[in-house]
Protein backbone atom coordinates (compact mmCIF):
# COMPACT_ATOMS: atom_id res chain seq x y z
CA MET A 1 83.36 84.98 113.70
CA ASN A 2 86.07 85.50 116.21
CA GLU A 3 89.36 86.51 115.72
CA VAL A 4 92.24 83.97 116.53
CA ARG A 5 95.90 85.31 117.39
CA ASP A 6 98.63 83.45 118.02
CA ALA A 7 100.56 83.35 121.77
CA PRO A 8 103.68 85.23 120.85
CA GLU A 9 101.44 88.20 119.44
CA GLU A 10 98.84 88.08 122.68
CA ALA A 11 102.15 88.10 124.95
CA ARG A 12 104.01 91.01 123.26
CA GLU A 13 100.36 93.06 123.90
CA ALA A 14 100.24 91.83 127.40
CA ASP A 15 103.60 93.08 127.96
CA ARG A 16 103.03 96.41 125.98
CA ASP A 17 99.52 96.94 127.81
CA GLY A 18 101.73 96.64 131.31
CA ALA A 19 104.00 99.48 130.10
CA ILE A 20 102.61 101.86 132.17
CA ASP A 21 102.89 99.82 135.36
CA ARG A 22 106.89 99.19 134.88
CA LEU A 23 107.44 103.13 134.29
CA ALA A 24 105.50 103.77 137.32
CA PRO A 25 109.05 104.74 138.89
CA ILE A 26 109.55 107.40 136.56
CA LEU A 27 106.21 108.66 135.15
CA ARG A 28 104.52 111.16 137.93
CA PRO A 29 101.81 113.84 138.10
CA VAL A 30 103.29 116.71 136.88
CA ARG A 31 102.67 120.11 138.58
CA ALA A 32 100.56 123.07 137.64
CA GLY A 33 102.22 125.67 135.56
CA ASN A 34 104.94 123.62 134.27
CA GLY A 35 103.14 120.32 132.90
CA PHE A 36 104.74 120.32 129.22
CA GLU A 37 108.12 120.75 130.71
CA GLU A 38 107.62 118.12 133.07
CA ALA A 39 105.80 115.69 130.96
CA LEU A 40 108.61 115.96 128.18
CA GLU A 41 111.40 115.29 131.24
CA GLN A 42 110.00 112.50 132.67
CA ILE A 43 109.05 110.61 129.14
CA LEU A 44 112.80 111.62 128.00
CA GLN A 45 114.09 109.60 131.27
CA VAL A 46 112.31 107.04 130.14
CA LEU A 47 113.73 106.96 126.93
CA ARG A 48 117.02 107.26 127.93
CA LEU A 49 116.90 104.55 130.27
CA GLY A 50 115.81 102.47 127.94
CA LEU A 51 112.48 101.41 129.78
CA VAL A 52 110.77 100.94 126.65
CA PRO A 53 113.24 99.44 124.16
CA ALA A 54 113.58 100.75 120.83
CA GLY A 55 110.66 98.99 118.36
CA GLU A 56 108.45 99.05 121.20
CA ARG A 57 105.37 101.30 121.74
CA LEU A 58 105.04 103.50 124.36
CA PRO A 59 101.78 102.92 127.16
CA ALA A 60 98.54 104.16 125.24
CA GLU A 61 98.01 108.34 125.18
CA ARG A 62 95.33 107.73 127.52
CA GLU A 63 97.20 105.80 130.14
CA LEU A 64 100.38 108.40 129.95
CA ALA A 65 97.92 111.25 130.41
CA ASP A 66 96.60 109.56 133.22
CA ARG A 67 99.17 108.68 135.02
CA LEU A 68 101.35 112.24 134.14
CA GLY A 69 97.93 114.27 135.21
CA LEU A 70 97.44 116.42 132.03
CA SER A 71 95.42 116.66 129.38
CA ARG A 72 95.45 114.47 126.32
CA VAL A 73 96.18 117.75 124.36
CA THR A 74 99.55 118.45 125.98
CA LEU A 75 100.91 115.06 126.04
CA ARG A 76 100.53 115.10 121.89
CA GLU A 77 102.32 118.20 122.14
CA VAL A 78 105.26 116.57 123.93
CA LEU A 79 105.01 113.80 121.82
CA LYS A 80 105.42 115.82 118.97
CA VAL A 81 108.81 117.24 120.30
CA LEU A 82 109.98 113.81 120.54
CA HIS A 83 108.67 112.81 117.11
CA GLU A 84 110.76 116.23 115.63
CA GLN A 85 113.65 114.65 117.81
CA GLY A 86 113.80 111.51 116.05
CA LEU A 87 112.89 109.66 119.16
CA VAL A 88 109.67 108.36 118.58
CA GLU A 89 107.68 107.44 115.62
CA SER A 90 103.85 107.12 114.86
CA ARG A 91 102.46 103.74 113.32
CA ARG A 92 98.76 103.67 112.47
CA GLY A 93 96.39 100.71 112.47
CA ARG A 94 95.14 98.09 114.97
CA TYR A 95 98.42 97.97 116.75
CA GLY A 96 99.62 101.15 115.91
CA GLY A 97 100.70 103.94 118.62
CA THR A 98 104.02 105.87 119.71
CA PHE A 99 106.82 103.95 119.19
CA VAL A 100 110.39 104.14 120.32
CA ARG A 101 113.35 104.65 117.88
CA GLN A 102 116.26 103.05 117.34
CA ARG A 103 119.35 105.45 118.86
CA PRO A 104 121.80 106.37 116.35
CA PRO A 105 125.05 105.28 116.87
CA GLU A 106 128.32 107.48 118.01
CA THR A 107 129.96 109.13 115.54
CA SER A 108 132.61 111.04 117.08
CA GLY A 109 134.71 108.48 116.09
CA GLY A 110 137.13 108.22 119.07
CA SER A 111 138.14 105.54 121.39
CA ILE A 112 135.62 104.49 124.09
CA ALA A 113 137.96 106.35 126.88
CA GLU A 114 137.78 109.58 124.88
CA GLU A 115 134.25 109.27 124.33
CA LEU A 116 133.69 108.70 128.23
CA ARG A 117 135.98 111.55 128.87
CA ARG A 118 133.99 113.85 126.33
CA ARG A 119 130.59 112.73 128.58
CA VAL A 120 132.72 113.14 132.00
CA ALA A 121 133.32 116.47 131.57
CA ALA A 122 129.63 117.42 131.70
CA VAL A 123 128.75 116.37 134.70
CA ASP A 124 130.65 116.10 138.46
CA LEU A 125 131.63 112.41 138.22
CA GLU A 126 132.27 111.82 141.84
CA ASP A 127 129.50 113.85 142.81
CA THR A 128 126.82 111.41 140.88
CA LEU A 129 128.87 108.25 142.02
CA ARG A 130 128.24 109.55 145.91
CA PHE A 131 124.89 110.35 145.07
CA ARG A 132 123.83 106.90 143.32
CA GLU A 133 125.48 105.30 146.21
CA VAL A 134 123.64 107.20 149.01
CA LEU A 135 119.97 106.18 147.30
CA GLU A 136 120.65 102.37 146.12
CA VAL A 137 122.00 101.79 149.55
CA GLY A 138 119.09 103.89 151.13
CA ALA A 139 116.40 102.16 149.25
CA ALA A 140 117.69 98.51 149.66
CA GLU A 141 117.81 99.50 153.46
CA LEU A 142 114.53 100.97 153.76
CA CYS A 143 113.00 97.71 151.77
CA ALA A 144 114.37 95.54 154.05
CA THR A 145 113.60 97.53 157.09
CA HIS A 146 110.17 98.19 155.97
CA GLY A 147 109.39 94.78 154.52
CA LEU A 148 107.30 94.30 151.00
CA THR A 149 103.80 92.96 150.58
CA GLY A 150 103.36 89.75 148.58
CA GLU A 151 102.49 91.50 145.47
CA GLN A 152 105.96 93.91 145.96
CA ALA A 153 107.93 90.80 146.71
CA GLN A 154 106.24 89.56 143.47
CA ARG A 155 107.30 92.26 141.24
CA LEU A 156 110.98 92.44 142.99
CA ARG A 157 111.42 88.91 141.99
CA ALA A 158 110.18 89.37 138.81
CA ALA A 159 112.85 91.99 137.95
CA LEU A 160 115.81 90.17 138.67
CA ALA A 161 114.31 87.42 136.96
CA GLY A 162 114.80 89.95 134.49
CA THR A 163 118.25 90.34 134.44
CA GLN A 164 118.85 86.69 134.81
CA ASN A 165 120.21 84.77 131.40
CA ALA A 166 118.98 88.23 129.72
CA PRO A 167 121.03 89.02 126.00
CA LEU A 168 123.88 91.37 125.87
CA ALA A 169 122.04 93.65 123.83
CA GLU A 170 119.05 94.11 126.68
CA TYR A 171 120.86 93.47 130.40
CA ARG A 172 121.71 97.44 130.89
CA ARG A 173 118.10 97.91 130.58
CA LEU A 174 116.65 94.79 132.55
CA ASP A 175 119.52 95.94 135.11
CA THR A 176 118.33 99.65 135.32
CA LEU A 177 114.66 98.32 135.47
CA LEU A 178 115.72 96.15 139.04
CA HIS A 179 117.23 98.87 140.60
CA LEU A 180 114.40 101.21 140.04
CA THR A 181 112.30 98.63 141.49
CA VAL A 182 113.91 98.22 144.80
CA ALA A 183 114.13 102.43 144.45
CA GLU A 184 110.37 102.38 144.17
CA LEU A 185 109.42 100.21 146.48
CA SER A 186 111.26 101.77 149.39
CA GLY A 187 108.06 103.73 150.04
CA SER A 188 109.29 107.04 148.87
CA PRO A 189 108.33 108.77 145.70
CA SER A 190 111.18 111.47 146.32
CA LEU A 191 113.86 108.99 146.39
CA ALA A 192 112.66 107.30 143.39
CA ALA A 193 112.15 110.20 141.10
CA GLN A 194 115.73 111.31 142.12
CA TYR A 195 117.67 107.87 141.66
CA ALA A 196 115.77 107.87 138.62
CA ALA A 197 117.77 110.88 137.55
CA VAL A 198 121.11 110.08 138.59
CA ARG A 199 120.43 106.87 136.71
CA ALA A 200 119.79 108.24 133.83
CA THR A 201 123.18 110.14 134.11
CA VAL A 202 125.28 106.81 134.75
CA ASN A 203 123.84 104.94 132.00
CA ASP A 204 125.08 107.61 129.89
CA LEU A 205 128.47 107.19 130.92
CA LEU A 206 127.90 103.03 131.40
CA ASP A 207 126.76 103.12 127.41
CA CYS A 208 130.44 103.81 126.60
CA ILE A 209 132.10 101.20 128.27
CA PRO A 210 131.89 97.58 126.49
CA LEU A 211 129.87 94.97 128.70
CA LEU A 212 131.86 92.42 129.98
CA VAL A 213 130.76 89.34 130.99
CA ARG A 214 133.01 88.88 134.11
CA ASN A 215 131.78 91.88 135.14
CA LEU A 216 127.94 91.03 134.58
CA GLU A 217 127.96 87.72 135.98
CA HIS A 218 129.84 89.24 139.69
CA SER A 219 127.11 91.98 139.31
CA GLN A 220 123.99 89.24 138.57
CA ARG A 221 125.53 87.39 141.74
CA GLN A 222 125.33 90.78 143.93
CA HIS A 223 121.81 91.64 142.68
CA GLU A 224 120.68 87.72 143.57
CA ALA A 225 121.89 88.68 147.32
CA LEU A 226 120.56 91.85 147.40
CA VAL A 227 117.01 90.51 146.60
CA GLU A 228 117.72 87.59 148.96
CA ALA A 229 118.78 90.11 151.76
CA VAL A 230 115.29 92.58 151.17
CA LEU A 231 113.02 89.95 151.05
CA GLU A 232 114.40 88.46 154.47
CA GLY A 233 114.55 91.75 156.14
CA ASP A 234 118.30 91.83 157.01
CA ALA A 235 118.64 95.64 156.41
CA ASP A 236 122.46 95.56 157.28
CA GLY A 237 122.77 92.89 154.30
CA ALA A 238 120.67 94.58 151.82
CA ARG A 239 123.08 98.46 153.00
CA GLU A 240 126.25 96.83 152.26
CA ILE A 241 125.59 94.61 149.12
CA ALA A 242 123.85 97.78 147.72
CA ARG A 243 127.11 100.08 148.36
CA GLU A 244 129.54 97.03 147.34
CA HIS A 245 127.51 97.14 144.06
CA CYS A 246 127.71 100.71 143.59
CA ALA A 247 131.53 100.54 144.27
CA GLY A 248 132.03 97.61 141.15
CA SER A 249 130.35 100.23 138.83
CA ALA A 250 132.30 103.08 140.10
CA ALA A 251 135.58 101.30 139.86
CA LEU A 252 134.87 100.31 136.21
CA LEU A 253 134.16 103.55 135.31
CA ARG A 254 137.33 104.92 137.11
CA GLY A 255 139.36 101.88 135.22
CA PHE A 256 138.20 103.62 131.74
CA LEU A 257 139.09 107.15 132.78
CA SER A 258 142.55 106.33 133.96
């Protein structure tokens, strides 16, 4: 007798099964000799960026190993490290696998500004913000200049739709996914990889700042204008919208530091 499954469960499983494609901007074949280290770095980026939400399952071992170009034995060593660090947990059963754990709350007890200053002290803020701007502006211009295929345009629209009416708790993750999609669709794997790295650093800083509804509404209008410019092949418009968008985030960070 065939098992009957409800629609919500089917939807959740389909979403999990497509996770490997959504992680394409991050996951890439590792180089021989540093397979373990590079695989660990990439999966840590996925977790830091929140691309797989807490409570959700990472792609299956086979899919991860194939995408990373390493053996499942080595991948299991990577997952073991993540498990020991409390970042993931294993579950058995038909719907088992490796699941992302909820990140513990900050325990510093300080103010938002104090926590932000602590994190900023570990990075060169101005260099990070400039590099992010260069990559985002460049990716937007490349996408608009070279154009997108029908499938690529659909992916971009879907990423934008994900940010629309997103609950506050999910907004930053979906915002990140939209920008990573633009970076990937630029056609430059190197640009996409560099953007993923700098975005992880920026997100660590943005996580110290409360999500402000007015700022998010403004940001969303910029997202919509950016996607429209890219799809219309307006390279100048896409470049300027991306630049303005980055400037807004930079101003917000500087504002909380002042």
